[in-house]
All heavy atoms as atom14 arrays in JSON, in Angstrom:
{
  "sequence": "FEKSLQLLNLIECDEVLLKLAKLYYYNGYYNLAYQ",
  "atom14_mask": [
    [1, 1, 1, 1, 1, 1, 1, 1, 1, 1, 1, 0, 0, 0],
    [1, 1, 1, 1, 1, 1, 1, 1, 1, 0, 0, 0, 0, 0],
    [1, 1, 1, 1, 1, 1, 1, 1, 1, 0, 0, 0, 0, 0],
    [1, 1, 1, 1, 1, 1, 0, 0, 0, 0, 0, 0, 0, 0],
    [1, 1, 1, 1, 1, 1, 1, 1, 0, 0, 0, 0, 0, 0],
    [1, 1, 1, 1, 1, 1, 1, 1, 1, 0, 0, 0, 0, 0],
    [1, 1, 1, 1, 1, 1, 1, 1, 0, 0, 0, 0, 0, 0],
    [1, 1, 1, 1, 1, 1, 1, 1, 0, 0, 0, 0, 0, 0],
    [1, 1, 1, 1, 1, 1, 1, 1, 0, 0, 0, 0, 0, 0],
    [1, 1, 1, 1, 1, 1, 1, 1, 0, 0, 0, 0, 0, 0],
    [1, 1, 1, 1, 1, 1, 1, 1, 0, 0, 0, 0, 0, 0],
    [1, 1, 1, 1, 1, 1, 1, 1, 1, 0, 0, 0, 0, 0],
    [1, 1, 1, 1, 1, 1, 0, 0, 0, 0, 0, 0, 0, 0],
    [1, 1, 1, 1, 1, 1, 1, 1, 0, 0, 0, 0, 0, 0],
    [1, 1, 1, 1, 1, 1, 1, 1, 1, 0, 0, 0, 0, 0],
    [1, 1, 1, 1, 1, 1, 1, 0, 0, 0, 0, 0, 0, 0],
    [1, 1, 1, 1, 1, 1, 1, 1, 0, 0, 0, 0, 0, 0],
    [1, 1, 1, 1, 1, 1, 1, 1, 0, 0, 0, 0, 0, 0],
    [1, 1, 1, 1, 1, 1, 1, 1, 1, 0, 0, 0, 0, 0],
    [1, 1, 1, 1, 1, 1, 1, 1, 0, 0, 0, 0, 0, 0],
    [1, 1, 1, 1, 1, 0, 0, 0, 0, 0, 0, 0, 0, 0],
    [1, 1, 1, 1, 1, 1, 1, 1, 1, 0, 0, 0, 0, 0],
    [1, 1, 1, 1, 1, 1, 1, 1, 0, 0, 0, 0, 0, 0],
    [1, 1, 1, 1, 1, 1, 1, 1, 1, 1, 1, 1, 0, 0],
    [1, 1, 1, 1, 1, 1, 1, 1, 1, 1, 1, 1, 0, 0],
    [1, 1, 1, 1, 1, 1, 1, 1, 1, 1, 1, 1, 0, 0],
    [1, 1, 1, 1, 1, 1, 1, 1, 0, 0, 0, 0, 0, 0],
    [1, 1, 1, 1, 0, 0, 0, 0, 0, 0, 0, 0, 0, 0],
    [1, 1, 1, 1, 1, 1, 1, 1, 1, 1, 1, 1, 0, 0],
    [1, 1, 1, 1, 1, 1, 1, 1, 1, 1, 1, 1, 0, 0],
    [1, 1, 1, 1, 1, 1, 1, 1, 0, 0, 0, 0, 0, 0],
    [1, 1, 1, 1, 1, 1, 1, 1, 0, 0, 0, 0, 0, 0],
    [1, 1, 1, 1, 1, 0, 0, 0, 0, 0, 0, 0, 0, 0],
    [1, 1, 1, 1, 1, 1, 1, 1, 1, 1, 1, 1, 0, 0],
    [1, 1, 1, 1, 1, 1, 1, 1, 1, 0, 0, 0, 0, 0]
  ],
  "atom14_positions": [
    [[0.84, -1.2, 0.0], [0.0, 0.0, 0.0], [0.87, 1.24, 0.0], [0.58, 2.21, -0.73], [-0.94, 0.01, 1.21], [-1.81, 1.24, 1.25], [-2.92, 1.33, 0.43], [-1.5, 2.31, 2.07], [-3.71, 2.48, 0.44], [-2.28, 3.45, 2.09], [-3.39, 3.53, 1.27], [0.0, 0.0, 0.0], [0.0, 0.0, 0.0], [0.0, 0.0, 0.0]],
    [[1.95, 1.23, 0.79], [2.83, 2.4, 0.85], [3.42, 2.71, -0.52], [3.49, 3.86, -0.95], [3.95, 2.13, 1.86], [4.8, 3.35, 2.2], [4.03, 4.43, 2.95], [3.09, 4.09, 3.68], [4.38, 5.61, 2.78], [0.0, 0.0, 0.0], [0.0, 0.0, 0.0], [0.0, 0.0, 0.0], [0.0, 0.0, 0.0], [0.0, 0.0, 0.0]],
    [[3.81, 1.66, -1.25], [4.35, 1.86, -2.6], [3.28, 2.36, -3.56], [3.53, 3.19, -4.44], [4.96, 0.55, -3.14], [6.25, 0.13, -2.46], [6.87, -1.08, -3.13], [7.53, -0.72, -4.44], [8.29, -1.86, -5.01], [0.0, 0.0, 0.0], [0.0, 0.0, 0.0], [0.0, 0.0, 0.0], [0.0, 0.0, 0.0], [0.0, 0.0, 0.0]],
    [[2.05, 1.85, -3.38], [0.97, 2.22, -4.29], [0.6, 3.7, -4.2], [0.02, 4.26, -5.13], [-0.27, 1.36, -4.02], [-0.88, 1.72, -2.79], [0.0, 0.0, 0.0], [0.0, 0.0, 0.0], [0.0, 0.0, 0.0], [0.0, 0.0, 0.0], [0.0, 0.0, 0.0], [0.0, 0.0, 0.0], [0.0, 0.0, 0.0], [0.0, 0.0, 0.0]],
    [[0.98, 4.34, -3.08], [0.7, 5.76, -2.94], [1.45, 6.61, -3.97], [1.11, 7.78, -4.17], [1.04, 6.23, -1.52], [0.15, 5.69, -0.39], [0.62, 6.19, 0.96], [-1.31, 6.09, -0.62], [0.0, 0.0, 0.0], [0.0, 0.0, 0.0], [0.0, 0.0, 0.0], [0.0, 0.0, 0.0], [0.0, 0.0, 0.0], [0.0, 0.0, 0.0]],
    [[2.42, 6.0, -4.64], [3.12, 6.71, -5.72], [2.17, 7.06, -6.87], [2.48, 7.95, -7.68], [4.28, 5.86, -6.25], [5.4, 5.65, -5.25], [6.49, 4.75, -5.8], [6.88, 4.86, -6.96], [6.99, 3.83, -4.96], [0.0, 0.0, 0.0], [0.0, 0.0, 0.0], [0.0, 0.0, 0.0], [0.0, 0.0, 0.0], [0.0, 0.0, 0.0]],
    [[1.05, 6.39, -6.95], [0.04, 6.74, -7.96], [-0.38, 8.2, -7.84], [-0.69, 8.85, -8.85], [-1.19, 5.83, -7.81], [-1.07, 4.37, -8.24], [-2.28, 3.58, -7.76], [-0.95, 4.27, -9.77], [0.0, 0.0, 0.0], [0.0, 0.0, 0.0], [0.0, 0.0, 0.0], [0.0, 0.0, 0.0], [0.0, 0.0, 0.0], [0.0, 0.0, 0.0]],
    [[-0.39, 8.72, -6.62], [-0.82, 10.1, -6.4], [0.17, 11.1, -6.97], [-0.18, 12.27, -7.2], [-1.03, 10.35, -4.9], [-2.06, 9.44, -4.22], [-2.13, 9.74, -2.72], [-3.43, 9.61, -4.86], [0.0, 0.0, 0.0], [0.0, 0.0, 0.0], [0.0, 0.0, 0.0], [0.0, 0.0, 0.0], [0.0, 0.0, 0.0], [0.0, 0.0, 0.0]],
    [[1.42, 10.66, -7.19], [2.42, 11.54, -7.78], [2.31, 11.61, -9.3], [3.01, 12.4, -9.94], [3.83, 11.06, -7.41], [4.07, 11.08, -5.91], [3.53, 11.94, -5.2], [4.84, 10.14, -5.41], [0.0, 0.0, 0.0], [0.0, 0.0, 0.0], [0.0, 0.0, 0.0], [0.0, 0.0, 0.0], [0.0, 0.0, 0.0], [0.0, 0.0, 0.0]],
    [[1.43, 10.78, -9.87], [1.32, 10.7, -11.33], [0.24, 11.61, -11.89], [0.0, 11.63, -13.09], [1.05, 9.25, -11.76], [2.05, 8.2, -11.28], [1.65, 6.82, -11.8], [3.47, 8.55, -11.75], [0.0, 0.0, 0.0], [0.0, 0.0, 0.0], [0.0, 0.0, 0.0], [0.0, 0.0, 0.0], [0.0, 0.0, 0.0], [0.0, 0.0, 0.0]],
    [[-0.45, 12.35, -11.01], [-1.48, 13.29, -11.44], [-1.26, 14.64, -10.74], [-0.5, 14.73, -9.78], [-2.91, 12.77, -11.11], [-3.05, 12.49, -9.61], [-3.24, 11.54, -11.93], [-4.46, 12.13, -9.18], [0.0, 0.0, 0.0], [0.0, 0.0, 0.0], [0.0, 0.0, 0.0], [0.0, 0.0, 0.0], [0.0, 0.0, 0.0], [0.0, 0.0, 0.0]],
    [[-1.93, 15.67, -11.26], [-1.84, 17.02, -10.68], [-3.15, 17.33, -9.97], [-4.15, 17.66, -10.61], [-1.58, 18.06, -11.77], [-0.18, 18.02, -12.34], [0.87, 18.44, -11.33], [0.58, 19.33, -10.51], [1.97, 17.87, -11.35], [0.0, 0.0, 0.0], [0.0, 0.0, 0.0], [0.0, 0.0, 0.0], [0.0, 0.0, 0.0], [0.0, 0.0, 0.0]],
    [[-3.15, 17.18, -8.65], [-4.37, 17.43, -7.89], [-4.0, 17.88, -6.48], [-3.22, 17.2, -5.8], [-5.23, 16.17, -7.83], [-6.75, 16.37, -6.89], [0.0, 0.0, 0.0], [0.0, 0.0, 0.0], [0.0, 0.0, 0.0], [0.0, 0.0, 0.0], [0.0, 0.0, 0.0], [0.0, 0.0, 0.0], [0.0, 0.0, 0.0], [0.0, 0.0, 0.0]],
    [[-4.54, 19.01, -6.04], [-4.21, 19.54, -4.72], [-5.12, 19.0, -3.62], [-5.06, 19.46, -2.48], [-4.22, 21.07, -4.72], [-5.57, 21.65, -5.13], [-6.51, 20.86, -5.36], [-5.68, 22.9, -5.22], [0.0, 0.0, 0.0], [0.0, 0.0, 0.0], [0.0, 0.0, 0.0], [0.0, 0.0, 0.0], [0.0, 0.0, 0.0], [0.0, 0.0, 0.0]],
    [[-5.97, 18.03, -3.96], [-6.85, 17.45, -2.95], [-6.45, 16.02, -2.56], [-7.16, 15.38, -1.79], [-8.29, 17.43, -3.48], [-8.9, 18.82, -3.64], [-10.37, 18.78, -4.0], [-10.9, 17.66, -4.17], [-10.98, 19.85, -4.09], [0.0, 0.0, 0.0], [0.0, 0.0, 0.0], [0.0, 0.0, 0.0], [0.0, 0.0, 0.0], [0.0, 0.0, 0.0]],
    [[-5.33, 15.54, -3.09], [-4.98, 14.14, -2.86], [-4.72, 13.83, -1.39], [-5.11, 12.77, -0.89], [-3.78, 13.7, -3.72], [-4.17, 13.64, -5.19], [-2.58, 14.6, -3.51], [0.0, 0.0, 0.0], [0.0, 0.0, 0.0], [0.0, 0.0, 0.0], [0.0, 0.0, 0.0], [0.0, 0.0, 0.0], [0.0, 0.0, 0.0], [0.0, 0.0, 0.0]],
    [[-4.07, 14.75, -0.68], [-3.78, 14.48, 0.74], [-5.05, 14.54, 1.58], [-5.21, 13.77, 2.53], [-2.75, 15.48, 1.26], [-1.36, 15.39, 0.61], [-0.42, 16.43, 1.22], [-0.78, 13.98, 0.75], [0.0, 0.0, 0.0], [0.0, 0.0, 0.0], [0.0, 0.0, 0.0], [0.0, 0.0, 0.0], [0.0, 0.0, 0.0], [0.0, 0.0, 0.0]],
    [[-5.95, 15.46, 1.24], [-7.24, 15.53, 1.94], [-8.02, 14.24, 1.71], [-8.6, 13.67, 2.66], [-8.03, 16.73, 1.45], [-9.42, 16.96, 2.07], [-9.31, 17.15, 3.57], [-10.09, 18.17, 1.42], [0.0, 0.0, 0.0], [0.0, 0.0, 0.0], [0.0, 0.0, 0.0], [0.0, 0.0, 0.0], [0.0, 0.0, 0.0], [0.0, 0.0, 0.0]],
    [[-8.04, 13.75, 0.48], [-8.75, 12.51, 0.18], [-8.07, 11.32, 0.85], [-8.74, 10.4, 1.33], [-8.81, 12.3, -1.33], [-9.8, 13.22, -2.05], [-9.82, 12.95, -3.54], [-10.89, 13.76, -4.23], [-12.26, 13.32, -3.87], [0.0, 0.0, 0.0], [0.0, 0.0, 0.0], [0.0, 0.0, 0.0], [0.0, 0.0, 0.0], [0.0, 0.0, 0.0]],
    [[-6.75, 11.33, 0.91], [-6.03, 10.24, 1.57], [-6.34, 10.23, 3.06], [-6.53, 9.16, 3.67], [-4.53, 10.4, 1.33], [-3.63, 9.32, 1.95], [-3.98, 7.93, 1.42], [-2.15, 9.63, 1.68], [0.0, 0.0, 0.0], [0.0, 0.0, 0.0], [0.0, 0.0, 0.0], [0.0, 0.0, 0.0], [0.0, 0.0, 0.0], [0.0, 0.0, 0.0]],
    [[-6.4, 11.41, 3.65], [-6.74, 11.51, 5.08], [-8.11, 10.91, 5.35], [-8.3, 10.15, 6.31], [-6.69, 12.96, 5.52], [0.0, 0.0, 0.0], [0.0, 0.0, 0.0], [0.0, 0.0, 0.0], [0.0, 0.0, 0.0], [0.0, 0.0, 0.0], [0.0, 0.0, 0.0], [0.0, 0.0, 0.0], [0.0, 0.0, 0.0], [0.0, 0.0, 0.0]],
    [[-9.08, 11.24, 4.5], [-10.43, 10.7, 4.68], [-10.46, 9.19, 4.46], [-11.21, 8.47, 5.14], [-11.4, 11.4, 3.73], [-11.64, 12.86, 4.09], [-12.61, 13.53, 3.13], [-12.82, 15.0, 3.48], [-13.78, 15.67, 2.57], [0.0, 0.0, 0.0], [0.0, 0.0, 0.0], [0.0, 0.0, 0.0], [0.0, 0.0, 0.0], [0.0, 0.0, 0.0]],
    [[-9.66, 8.71, 3.51], [-9.58, 7.26, 3.29], [-9.08, 6.56, 4.55], [-9.65, 5.54, 4.97], [-8.63, 6.98, 2.12], [-8.34, 5.5, 1.82], [-9.61, 4.76, 1.43], [-7.28, 5.37, 0.73], [0.0, 0.0, 0.0], [0.0, 0.0, 0.0], [0.0, 0.0, 0.0], [0.0, 0.0, 0.0], [0.0, 0.0, 0.0], [0.0, 0.0, 0.0]],
    [[-8.03, 7.1, 5.15], [-7.53, 6.53, 6.4], [-8.6, 6.59, 7.49], [-8.81, 5.63, 8.24], [-6.28, 7.28, 6.87], [-5.0, 6.92, 6.14], [-4.1, 7.92, 5.74], [-4.67, 5.6, 5.88], [-2.93, 7.61, 5.08], [-3.49, 5.28, 5.22], [-2.62, 6.29, 4.83], [-1.46, 5.97, 4.18], [0.0, 0.0, 0.0], [0.0, 0.0, 0.0]],
    [[-9.27, 7.73, 7.57], [-10.28, 7.92, 8.62], [-11.39, 6.89, 8.5], [-11.76, 6.23, 9.49], [-10.86, 9.33, 8.55], [-11.88, 9.63, 9.62], [-11.48, 10.16, 10.85], [-13.23, 9.36, 9.42], [-12.43, 10.43, 11.85], [-14.17, 9.63, 10.4], [-13.76, 10.15, 11.61], [-14.69, 10.4, 12.59], [0.0, 0.0, 0.0], [0.0, 0.0, 0.0]],
    [[-11.94, 6.74, 7.31], [-13.06, 5.82, 7.1], [-12.69, 4.36, 7.38], [-13.56, 3.53, 7.65], [-13.6, 5.94, 5.67], [-14.38, 7.2, 5.42], [-14.09, 8.03, 4.34], [-15.42, 7.59, 6.27], [-14.81, 9.2, 4.1], [-16.14, 8.76, 6.04], [-15.82, 9.55, 4.95], [-16.53, 10.7, 4.73], [0.0, 0.0, 0.0], [0.0, 0.0, 0.0]],
    [[-11.4, 4.08, 7.3], [-10.95, 2.71, 7.54], [-10.32, 2.52, 8.92], [-9.69, 1.49, 9.19], [-9.96, 2.28, 6.45], [-10.68, 1.99, 5.14], [-11.17, 0.89, 4.92], [-10.74, 2.99, 4.26], [0.0, 0.0, 0.0], [0.0, 0.0, 0.0], [0.0, 0.0, 0.0], [0.0, 0.0, 0.0], [0.0, 0.0, 0.0], [0.0, 0.0, 0.0]],
    [[-10.51, 3.53, 9.79], [-10.11, 3.38, 11.19], [-8.66, 3.69, 11.5], [-8.21, 3.48, 12.63], [0.0, 0.0, 0.0], [0.0, 0.0, 0.0], [0.0, 0.0, 0.0], [0.0, 0.0, 0.0], [0.0, 0.0, 0.0], [0.0, 0.0, 0.0], [0.0, 0.0, 0.0], [0.0, 0.0, 0.0], [0.0, 0.0, 0.0], [0.0, 0.0, 0.0]],
    [[-7.91, 4.24, 10.55], [-6.51, 4.6, 10.8], [-6.47, 6.09, 11.18], [-6.06, 6.96, 10.39], [-5.66, 4.33, 9.56], [-5.61, 2.88, 9.16], [-6.44, 2.38, 8.16], [-4.73, 1.99, 9.8], [-6.4, 1.04, 7.8], [-4.68, 0.65, 9.44], [-5.53, 0.18, 8.43], [-5.47, -1.14, 8.08], [0.0, 0.0, 0.0], [0.0, 0.0, 0.0]],
    [[-6.88, 6.37, 12.39], [-7.11, 7.76, 12.78], [-5.84, 8.59, 12.9], [-5.82, 9.76, 12.49], [-7.89, 7.81, 14.1], [-9.26, 7.17, 14.0], [-9.65, 6.16, 14.87], [-10.16, 7.57, 13.02], [-10.9, 5.57, 14.77], [-11.41, 6.99, 12.92], [-11.77, 5.97, 13.78], [-13.0, 5.39, 13.67], [0.0, 0.0, 0.0], [0.0, 0.0, 0.0]],
    [[-4.78, 8.03, 13.42], [-3.54, 8.79, 13.56], [-2.95, 9.13, 12.2], [-2.48, 10.25, 11.97], [-2.53, 8.02, 14.41], [-2.96, 7.95, 15.87], [-3.69, 8.81, 16.35], [-2.52, 6.91, 16.57], [0.0, 0.0, 0.0], [0.0, 0.0, 0.0], [0.0, 0.0, 0.0], [0.0, 0.0, 0.0], [0.0, 0.0, 0.0], [0.0, 0.0, 0.0]],
    [[-2.97, 8.16, 11.29], [-2.5, 8.43, 9.93], [-3.38, 9.48, 9.26], [-2.89, 10.34, 8.53], [-2.51, 7.13, 9.1], [-1.41, 6.11, 9.42], [-1.66, 4.82, 8.65], [-0.03, 6.68, 9.07], [0.0, 0.0, 0.0], [0.0, 0.0, 0.0], [0.0, 0.0, 0.0], [0.0, 0.0, 0.0], [0.0, 0.0, 0.0], [0.0, 0.0, 0.0]],
    [[-4.69, 9.4, 9.51], [-5.61, 10.38, 8.94], [-5.25, 11.78, 9.42], [-5.18, 12.73, 8.62], [-7.05, 10.04, 9.34], [0.0, 0.0, 0.0], [0.0, 0.0, 0.0], [0.0, 0.0, 0.0], [0.0, 0.0, 0.0], [0.0, 0.0, 0.0], [0.0, 0.0, 0.0], [0.0, 0.0, 0.0], [0.0, 0.0, 0.0], [0.0, 0.0, 0.0]],
    [[-5.01, 11.92, 10.71], [-4.69, 13.24, 11.27], [-3.42, 13.8, 10.64], [-3.36, 14.99, 10.29], [-4.54, 13.14, 12.79], [-4.52, 14.49, 13.47], [-5.71, 15.14, 13.78], [-3.32, 15.13, 13.77], [-5.7, 16.39, 14.39], [-3.3, 16.38, 14.38], [-4.5, 17.01, 14.68], [-4.5, 18.24, 15.27], [0.0, 0.0, 0.0], [0.0, 0.0, 0.0]],
    [[-2.41, 12.95, 10.48], [-1.15, 13.4, 9.87], [-1.38, 13.93, 8.45], [-0.82, 14.95, 8.05], [-0.15, 12.24, 9.82], [0.37, 11.81, 11.17], [1.21, 10.54, 11.09], [1.79, 10.24, 10.05], [1.27, 9.78, 12.18], [0.0, 0.0, 0.0], [0.0, 0.0, 0.0], [0.0, 0.0, 0.0], [0.0, 0.0, 0.0], [0.0, 0.0, 0.0]]
  ]
}
């Protein structure tokens, strides 16, 4: 999964970190979400 996050570097979008945070949140990874 950590390697797959490189997909986010292949597009131009300023919302990717916000969306990643919500993805972590919805799946119960709260500390990662907060970061």
